[in-house]
Structures are given as structure tokens and as C-alpha cells.
């Protein structure tokens, strides 16, 4: 059974236009990066702002709105380019299994996740490991590795 994507709120789409403009101009905004990935159908580059989470010297990207187009594109391509300021790097994105992704999600929630994002997940910092694993099935987590 295919998982249905969460609906991205309209304000996020408007906010993304502003964030993309600022990031392309070289501004650094929190943990935000530009992710450019090849479209799975068109083959054209698609760019979206993402937040990269660093835990235990590893980098992750978490999908608060579920399986949206950039997630499908990243799954299909397996590689992308991330850019922050004027630095860019090619990365390999590895989708984590639910058990591992659930652990990452739990640590992110324990460290504090912005409330405007937390409401899109079905868990809280006090949720069980099993609940985080179920949430990870709806909100994929990718581990990012630099391509040499």
C-alpha cells in the first residue's frame, strides 16, 4: 500500500520562496540548506530548502510533511547537492529503516523540535520507541554522507 503524502501548508510554500532566495544569495539561516536533486520523472534539477540535523557527528534530514515530491526524488536519485552559503557538496542520501529512523526522531524530539514542526508528527518527546518507529514510517529520515 502506498503511503499518502502529508499536505504541505500553504504558508510553507510561500516561506520556501523567501528562504530559497536568501540561501541562494549566500545567507546562512539556522540549519537550512538548499537541496538540489534530479526529478524522478523529468530528470530536471529540483531545489528545495531543508534543515539538516546533526547527531553524533552524523547528518540527517527528516521529512516533517511526509513523503512529498522532494522525498520521492531523493529516493529515486540517491544523490543530491546541498548548498549552504557559497559552499556546495554532493551527498549520498540513505533512507534509514524505521527502527533506526525512530531512534533519530526520538533524539531530535528529546533535544527539542520547533513547535511549528512538532505538530506534524504523531509523537511527543515522551512517546515510546515503538511510536517513534511508526512515525518514521510516515516521516522518512535520511542519513547524509559526503560523496568523495
N, C-alpha and C. Protein backbone atom coordinates (compact mmCIF):
# COMPACT_ATOMS: atom_id res chain seq x y z
N UNK A 1 0.84 -1.17 0.00
CA UNK A 1 0.00 0.00 0.00
C UNK A 1 0.89 1.24 0.00
N UNK A 2 0.64 2.16 -0.90
CA UNK A 2 1.42 3.39 -0.98
C UNK A 2 1.04 4.33 0.16
N UNK A 3 2.05 4.98 0.68
CA UNK A 3 1.81 5.94 1.75
C UNK A 3 1.39 7.27 1.14
N UNK A 4 0.38 7.88 1.70
CA UNK A 4 -0.09 9.17 1.21
C UNK A 4 0.75 10.29 1.80
N UNK A 5 1.11 11.24 0.97
CA UNK A 5 1.93 12.37 1.43
C UNK A 5 1.09 13.30 2.29
N UNK A 6 1.74 13.90 3.27
CA UNK A 6 1.09 14.92 4.07
C UNK A 6 0.92 16.16 3.20
N UNK A 7 -0.11 16.90 3.46
CA UNK A 7 -0.31 18.14 2.72
C UNK A 7 0.57 19.22 3.34
N UNK A 8 1.38 19.81 2.49
CA UNK A 8 2.25 20.89 2.95
C UNK A 8 1.41 22.16 3.05
N UNK A 9 1.43 22.81 4.22
CA UNK A 9 0.64 24.03 4.38
C UNK A 9 1.05 25.11 3.38
N UNK A 10 0.09 25.93 3.01
CA UNK A 10 0.34 26.99 2.03
C UNK A 10 1.43 27.95 2.48
N UNK A 11 1.44 28.29 3.78
CA UNK A 11 2.43 29.23 4.28
C UNK A 11 3.85 28.69 4.10
N UNK A 12 4.02 27.36 4.14
CA UNK A 12 5.36 26.78 3.95
C UNK A 12 5.84 27.04 2.53
N UNK A 13 4.94 26.92 1.57
CA UNK A 13 5.32 27.17 0.17
C UNK A 13 5.77 28.63 -0.02
N UNK A 14 5.05 29.56 0.59
CA UNK A 14 5.42 30.97 0.50
C UNK A 14 6.75 31.23 1.20
N UNK A 15 6.89 30.65 2.38
CA UNK A 15 8.11 30.82 3.16
C UNK A 15 9.31 30.23 2.40
N UNK A 16 9.11 29.11 1.71
CA UNK A 16 10.19 28.48 0.95
C UNK A 16 10.74 29.39 -0.13
N UNK A 17 9.87 30.15 -0.78
CA UNK A 17 10.33 31.09 -1.82
C UNK A 17 11.29 32.10 -1.21
N UNK A 18 10.96 32.64 -0.05
CA UNK A 18 11.82 33.60 0.63
C UNK A 18 13.13 32.94 1.06
N UNK A 19 13.05 31.76 1.67
CA UNK A 19 14.24 31.05 2.15
C UNK A 19 15.16 30.69 0.98
N UNK A 20 14.60 30.19 -0.11
CA UNK A 20 15.42 29.85 -1.29
C UNK A 20 16.15 31.09 -1.79
N UNK A 21 15.45 32.20 -1.87
CA UNK A 21 16.07 33.45 -2.34
C UNK A 21 17.23 33.86 -1.44
N UNK A 22 17.03 33.83 -0.13
CA UNK A 22 18.07 34.21 0.81
C UNK A 22 19.25 33.23 0.78
N UNK A 23 18.96 31.94 0.72
CA UNK A 23 20.04 30.95 0.69
C UNK A 23 20.84 31.04 -0.61
N UNK A 24 20.16 31.28 -1.73
CA UNK A 24 20.87 31.44 -3.00
C UNK A 24 21.75 32.69 -2.99
N UNK A 25 21.35 33.70 -2.23
CA UNK A 25 22.13 34.94 -2.12
C UNK A 25 23.33 34.77 -1.19
N UNK A 26 23.44 33.62 -0.54
CA UNK A 26 24.60 33.35 0.30
C UNK A 26 24.37 33.51 1.79
N UNK A 27 23.16 33.84 2.20
CA UNK A 27 22.87 33.97 3.63
C UNK A 27 22.81 32.59 4.27
N UNK A 28 23.26 32.50 5.51
CA UNK A 28 23.15 31.27 6.28
C UNK A 28 22.03 31.46 7.28
N UNK A 29 21.06 30.56 7.24
CA UNK A 29 19.87 30.67 8.09
C UNK A 29 19.75 29.38 8.91
N UNK A 30 20.08 29.48 10.18
CA UNK A 30 19.99 28.30 11.06
C UNK A 30 20.66 27.09 10.45
N UNK A 31 19.95 25.97 10.43
CA UNK A 31 20.47 24.72 9.89
C UNK A 31 19.95 24.48 8.47
N UNK A 32 19.50 25.56 7.82
CA UNK A 32 18.89 25.44 6.49
C UNK A 32 19.96 25.31 5.40
N UNK A 33 19.67 24.44 4.45
CA UNK A 33 20.49 24.22 3.26
C UNK A 33 19.55 24.18 2.06
N UNK A 34 20.11 24.36 0.88
CA UNK A 34 19.37 24.11 -0.35
C UNK A 34 19.71 22.70 -0.80
N UNK A 35 18.69 21.92 -1.06
CA UNK A 35 18.86 20.56 -1.57
C UNK A 35 18.45 20.59 -3.04
N UNK A 36 19.36 20.19 -3.91
CA UNK A 36 19.04 20.09 -5.34
C UNK A 36 19.17 18.63 -5.74
N UNK A 37 18.08 18.08 -6.23
CA UNK A 37 18.02 16.68 -6.60
C UNK A 37 17.38 16.55 -7.98
N UNK A 38 17.79 15.55 -8.72
CA UNK A 38 17.23 15.32 -10.05
C UNK A 38 15.80 14.80 -9.92
N UNK A 39 14.89 15.39 -10.70
CA UNK A 39 13.49 14.96 -10.68
C UNK A 39 13.37 13.54 -11.21
N UNK A 40 12.57 12.73 -10.56
CA UNK A 40 12.46 11.32 -10.93
C UNK A 40 11.74 11.11 -12.25
N UNK A 41 10.90 12.04 -12.66
CA UNK A 41 10.18 11.92 -13.93
C UNK A 41 10.81 12.79 -15.02
N UNK A 42 11.08 14.04 -14.68
CA UNK A 42 11.58 14.98 -15.69
C UNK A 42 13.09 14.91 -15.87
N UNK A 43 13.80 14.50 -14.83
CA UNK A 43 15.25 14.50 -14.88
C UNK A 43 15.86 15.88 -14.66
N UNK A 44 15.01 16.88 -14.47
CA UNK A 44 15.49 18.25 -14.26
C UNK A 44 15.83 18.46 -12.79
N UNK A 45 16.79 19.34 -12.51
CA UNK A 45 17.13 19.61 -11.10
C UNK A 45 15.99 20.33 -10.39
N UNK A 46 15.69 19.86 -9.19
CA UNK A 46 14.65 20.45 -8.35
C UNK A 46 15.30 20.89 -7.04
N UNK A 47 15.01 22.11 -6.61
CA UNK A 47 15.64 22.66 -5.42
C UNK A 47 14.60 23.00 -4.37
N UNK A 48 14.91 22.62 -3.13
CA UNK A 48 14.03 22.92 -2.00
C UNK A 48 14.88 23.19 -0.77
N UNK A 49 14.42 24.04 0.14
CA UNK A 49 15.16 24.24 1.38
C UNK A 49 14.88 23.09 2.35
N UNK A 50 15.93 22.65 3.03
CA UNK A 50 15.79 21.60 4.03
C UNK A 50 16.58 22.01 5.27
N UNK A 51 16.26 21.39 6.38
CA UNK A 51 17.04 21.58 7.61
C UNK A 51 17.80 20.28 7.85
N UNK A 52 19.10 20.41 8.05
CA UNK A 52 19.92 19.24 8.33
C UNK A 52 20.16 19.18 9.84
N UNK A 53 19.90 18.01 10.39
CA UNK A 53 20.06 17.76 11.82
C UNK A 53 21.37 17.01 12.02
N UNK A 54 22.18 17.46 12.95
CA UNK A 54 23.44 16.77 13.26
C UNK A 54 23.31 16.11 14.62
N UNK A 55 23.54 14.80 14.64
CA UNK A 55 23.51 14.00 15.87
C UNK A 55 24.67 13.03 15.82
N UNK A 56 25.47 13.00 16.89
CA UNK A 56 26.59 12.06 17.00
C UNK A 56 27.50 12.11 15.78
N UNK A 57 27.81 13.33 15.34
CA UNK A 57 28.70 13.58 14.21
C UNK A 57 28.19 13.00 12.89
N UNK A 58 26.89 12.76 12.82
CA UNK A 58 26.25 12.32 11.57
C UNK A 58 25.21 13.35 11.19
N UNK A 59 24.94 13.42 9.89
CA UNK A 59 23.95 14.39 9.41
C UNK A 59 22.72 13.64 8.90
N UNK A 60 21.55 14.22 9.22
CA UNK A 60 20.27 13.62 8.83
C UNK A 60 19.35 14.69 8.27
N UNK A 61 18.45 14.26 7.42
CA UNK A 61 17.35 15.13 7.02
C UNK A 61 16.06 14.36 7.34
N UNK A 62 15.15 15.07 8.02
CA UNK A 62 13.89 14.49 8.47
C UNK A 62 12.78 15.17 7.69
N UNK A 63 11.77 14.41 7.33
CA UNK A 63 10.71 14.93 6.47
C UNK A 63 9.43 15.18 7.26
N UNK A 64 9.25 16.40 7.77
CA UNK A 64 8.09 16.66 8.62
C UNK A 64 6.75 16.54 7.89
N UNK A 65 6.73 16.78 6.60
CA UNK A 65 5.46 16.74 5.86
C UNK A 65 5.23 15.41 5.17
N UNK A 66 6.00 14.40 5.52
CA UNK A 66 5.79 13.07 4.98
C UNK A 66 6.47 12.87 3.64
N UNK A 67 5.92 11.97 2.86
CA UNK A 67 6.51 11.61 1.58
C UNK A 67 6.01 12.59 0.51
N UNK A 68 6.74 13.70 0.39
CA UNK A 68 6.42 14.73 -0.59
C UNK A 68 7.35 14.55 -1.79
N UNK A 69 7.19 15.40 -2.81
CA UNK A 69 7.93 15.20 -4.06
C UNK A 69 9.45 15.16 -3.88
N UNK A 70 10.02 16.05 -3.07
CA UNK A 70 11.47 16.02 -2.95
C UNK A 70 11.95 14.73 -2.31
N UNK A 71 11.13 14.13 -1.44
CA UNK A 71 11.48 12.86 -0.82
C UNK A 71 11.47 11.75 -1.88
N UNK A 72 10.45 11.73 -2.71
CA UNK A 72 10.38 10.74 -3.78
C UNK A 72 11.56 10.89 -4.75
N UNK A 73 11.90 12.15 -5.07
CA UNK A 73 13.04 12.40 -5.95
C UNK A 73 14.34 11.93 -5.32
N UNK A 74 14.51 12.20 -4.04
CA UNK A 74 15.73 11.79 -3.35
C UNK A 74 15.83 10.28 -3.27
N UNK A 75 14.72 9.62 -3.02
CA UNK A 75 14.71 8.15 -3.01
C UNK A 75 15.16 7.61 -4.36
N UNK A 76 14.62 8.19 -5.43
CA UNK A 76 14.92 7.70 -6.77
C UNK A 76 16.36 7.99 -7.17
N UNK A 77 16.85 9.17 -6.86
CA UNK A 77 18.19 9.57 -7.29
C UNK A 77 19.28 9.02 -6.38
N UNK A 78 19.02 9.01 -5.07
CA UNK A 78 20.01 8.53 -4.13
C UNK A 78 21.13 9.52 -3.85
N UNK A 79 21.32 10.49 -4.73
CA UNK A 79 22.33 11.52 -4.55
C UNK A 79 21.71 12.88 -4.79
N UNK A 80 22.35 13.89 -4.21
CA UNK A 80 21.88 15.26 -4.39
C UNK A 80 23.04 16.20 -4.09
N UNK A 81 22.79 17.47 -4.29
CA UNK A 81 23.76 18.50 -3.93
C UNK A 81 23.12 19.35 -2.86
N UNK A 82 23.87 19.59 -1.77
CA UNK A 82 23.40 20.52 -0.75
C UNK A 82 24.29 21.74 -0.80
N UNK A 83 23.69 22.90 -0.55
CA UNK A 83 24.42 24.15 -0.61
C UNK A 83 24.08 24.99 0.61
N UNK A 84 25.11 25.58 1.18
CA UNK A 84 24.94 26.50 2.31
C UNK A 84 25.93 27.62 2.11
N UNK A 85 25.45 28.83 2.10
CA UNK A 85 26.32 29.95 1.77
C UNK A 85 26.82 29.77 0.35
N UNK A 86 28.11 29.82 0.18
CA UNK A 86 28.66 29.61 -1.17
C UNK A 86 29.34 28.26 -1.30
N UNK A 87 29.16 27.39 -0.30
CA UNK A 87 29.73 26.05 -0.35
C UNK A 87 28.68 25.04 -0.75
N UNK A 88 29.05 24.16 -1.64
CA UNK A 88 28.14 23.08 -2.01
C UNK A 88 28.90 21.77 -1.96
N UNK A 89 28.16 20.70 -1.74
CA UNK A 89 28.76 19.38 -1.74
C UNK A 89 27.76 18.35 -2.24
N UNK A 90 28.28 17.33 -2.87
CA UNK A 90 27.44 16.23 -3.33
C UNK A 90 27.33 15.24 -2.19
N UNK A 91 26.11 14.80 -1.94
CA UNK A 91 25.86 13.87 -0.84
C UNK A 91 25.11 12.64 -1.36
N UNK A 92 25.29 11.56 -0.64
CA UNK A 92 24.51 10.34 -0.87
C UNK A 92 23.50 10.29 0.25
N UNK A 93 22.25 10.08 -0.08
CA UNK A 93 21.18 10.02 0.92
C UNK A 93 20.74 8.58 1.08
N UNK A 94 20.82 8.09 2.30
CA UNK A 94 20.45 6.70 2.59
C UNK A 94 19.24 6.73 3.51
N UNK A 95 18.13 6.22 3.03
CA UNK A 95 16.92 6.19 3.85
C UNK A 95 17.08 5.14 4.94
N UNK A 96 16.87 5.55 6.16
CA UNK A 96 17.06 4.66 7.30
C UNK A 96 15.84 3.77 7.50
N UNK A 97 16.07 2.52 7.94
CA UNK A 97 14.93 1.67 8.30
C UNK A 97 14.20 2.28 9.50
N UNK A 98 12.95 1.91 9.65
CA UNK A 98 12.10 2.52 10.69
C UNK A 98 12.70 2.44 12.08
N UNK A 99 13.35 1.33 12.41
CA UNK A 99 13.92 1.19 13.77
C UNK A 99 15.02 2.23 14.00
N UNK A 100 15.91 2.40 13.04
CA UNK A 100 16.99 3.37 13.17
C UNK A 100 16.45 4.80 13.07
N UNK A 101 15.53 5.03 12.13
CA UNK A 101 14.93 6.35 11.96
C UNK A 101 14.16 6.75 13.21
N UNK A 102 13.48 5.81 13.83
CA UNK A 102 12.75 6.09 15.05
C UNK A 102 13.67 6.57 16.17
N UNK A 103 14.85 5.98 16.26
CA UNK A 103 15.83 6.40 17.27
C UNK A 103 16.30 7.83 17.02
N UNK A 104 16.55 8.15 15.74
CA UNK A 104 16.98 9.51 15.39
C UNK A 104 15.86 10.50 15.73
N UNK A 105 14.63 10.17 15.34
CA UNK A 105 13.49 11.05 15.64
C UNK A 105 13.35 11.27 17.14
N UNK A 106 13.49 10.20 17.91
CA UNK A 106 13.35 10.31 19.37
C UNK A 106 14.40 11.27 19.93
N UNK A 107 15.64 11.18 19.49
CA UNK A 107 16.70 12.08 19.97
C UNK A 107 16.41 13.52 19.57
N UNK A 108 15.89 13.72 18.37
CA UNK A 108 15.56 15.08 17.91
C UNK A 108 14.47 15.67 18.80
N UNK A 109 13.46 14.88 19.11
CA UNK A 109 12.37 15.37 19.96
C UNK A 109 12.86 15.61 21.39
N UNK A 110 13.74 14.76 21.90
CA UNK A 110 14.26 14.95 23.25
C UNK A 110 15.09 16.23 23.35
N UNK A 111 15.81 16.56 22.27
CA UNK A 111 16.63 17.78 22.26
C UNK A 111 15.80 19.02 22.02
N UNK A 112 14.57 18.83 21.56
CA UNK A 112 13.68 19.97 21.31
C UNK A 112 13.51 20.23 19.83
N UNK A 113 12.32 20.09 19.36
CA UNK A 113 11.99 20.34 17.97
C UNK A 113 11.07 21.57 17.95
N UNK A 114 11.22 22.44 16.97
CA UNK A 114 10.36 23.62 16.94
C UNK A 114 8.87 23.22 16.95
N UNK A 115 8.07 23.89 17.76
CA UNK A 115 6.65 23.53 17.88
C UNK A 115 5.89 23.54 16.55
N UNK A 116 6.26 24.47 15.64
CA UNK A 116 5.53 24.51 14.37
C UNK A 116 5.79 23.27 13.53
N UNK A 117 6.89 22.56 13.78
CA UNK A 117 7.17 21.30 13.08
C UNK A 117 6.64 20.10 13.87
N UNK A 118 6.76 20.17 15.18
CA UNK A 118 6.36 19.04 16.03
C UNK A 118 4.91 18.64 15.81
N UNK A 119 4.06 19.60 15.48
CA UNK A 119 2.63 19.29 15.34
C UNK A 119 2.34 18.39 14.13
N UNK A 120 3.29 18.24 13.21
CA UNK A 120 3.08 17.37 12.04
C UNK A 120 3.43 15.92 12.33
N UNK A 121 4.04 15.66 13.47
CA UNK A 121 4.38 14.31 13.88
C UNK A 121 3.33 13.82 14.86
N UNK A 122 3.16 12.53 14.95
CA UNK A 122 2.15 11.95 15.83
C UNK A 122 2.75 11.55 17.17
N UNK A 123 3.90 12.13 17.52
CA UNK A 123 4.60 11.76 18.74
C UNK A 123 5.00 13.00 19.54
N UNK A 124 5.39 12.77 20.77
CA UNK A 124 5.95 13.82 21.63
C UNK A 124 7.27 13.29 22.18
N UNK A 125 8.00 14.12 22.88
CA UNK A 125 9.28 13.70 23.46
C UNK A 125 9.11 12.52 24.42
N UNK A 126 7.91 12.34 24.97
CA UNK A 126 7.65 11.25 25.93
C UNK A 126 7.10 9.99 25.29
N UNK A 127 6.97 9.97 23.97
CA UNK A 127 6.42 8.79 23.29
C UNK A 127 7.38 7.61 23.37
N UNK A 128 6.83 6.42 23.19
CA UNK A 128 7.64 5.20 23.26
C UNK A 128 8.46 5.02 21.98
N UNK A 129 9.45 4.13 22.06
CA UNK A 129 10.27 3.83 20.90
C UNK A 129 9.42 3.30 19.74
N UNK A 130 8.44 2.48 20.06
CA UNK A 130 7.57 1.91 19.02
C UNK A 130 6.76 3.00 18.32
N UNK A 131 6.31 4.00 19.07
CA UNK A 131 5.56 5.11 18.47
C UNK A 131 6.46 5.91 17.53
N UNK A 132 7.72 6.10 17.92
CA UNK A 132 8.66 6.80 17.03
C UNK A 132 8.94 5.98 15.77
N UNK A 133 9.01 4.67 15.90
CA UNK A 133 9.22 3.82 14.72
C UNK A 133 8.03 3.91 13.76
N UNK A 134 6.82 3.95 14.31
CA UNK A 134 5.63 4.12 13.46
C UNK A 134 5.64 5.49 12.79
N UNK A 135 6.04 6.52 13.53
CA UNK A 135 6.13 7.88 12.95
C UNK A 135 7.16 7.92 11.84
N UNK A 136 8.25 7.19 12.00
CA UNK A 136 9.32 7.17 10.99
C UNK A 136 8.85 6.53 9.68
N UNK A 137 7.84 5.69 9.74
CA UNK A 137 7.28 5.11 8.51
C UNK A 137 6.54 6.17 7.69
N UNK A 138 5.98 7.17 8.37
CA UNK A 138 5.26 8.26 7.69
C UNK A 138 6.16 9.46 7.42
N UNK A 139 7.26 9.56 8.16
CA UNK A 139 8.19 10.69 8.05
C UNK A 139 9.60 10.14 7.86
N UNK A 140 9.96 9.79 6.62
CA UNK A 140 11.27 9.18 6.39
C UNK A 140 12.42 10.04 6.91
N UNK A 141 13.48 9.36 7.30
CA UNK A 141 14.71 10.00 7.77
C UNK A 141 15.84 9.50 6.88
N UNK A 142 16.63 10.43 6.36
CA UNK A 142 17.76 10.07 5.51
C UNK A 142 19.06 10.43 6.21
N UNK A 143 20.01 9.52 6.13
CA UNK A 143 21.37 9.79 6.59
C UNK A 143 22.11 10.36 5.39
N UNK A 144 22.88 11.42 5.62
CA UNK A 144 23.61 12.08 4.52
C UNK A 144 25.09 11.79 4.64
N UNK A 145 25.68 11.34 3.55
CA UNK A 145 27.11 11.07 3.52
C UNK A 145 27.72 11.82 2.36
N UNK A 146 28.87 12.41 2.60
CA UNK A 146 29.59 13.14 1.55
C UNK A 146 30.09 12.15 0.49
N UNK A 147 29.91 12.50 -0.77
CA UNK A 147 30.44 11.71 -1.86
C UNK A 147 31.85 12.20 -2.15
N UNK A 148 32.80 11.26 -2.13
CA UNK A 148 34.22 11.65 -2.34
C UNK A 148 34.46 12.09 -3.77
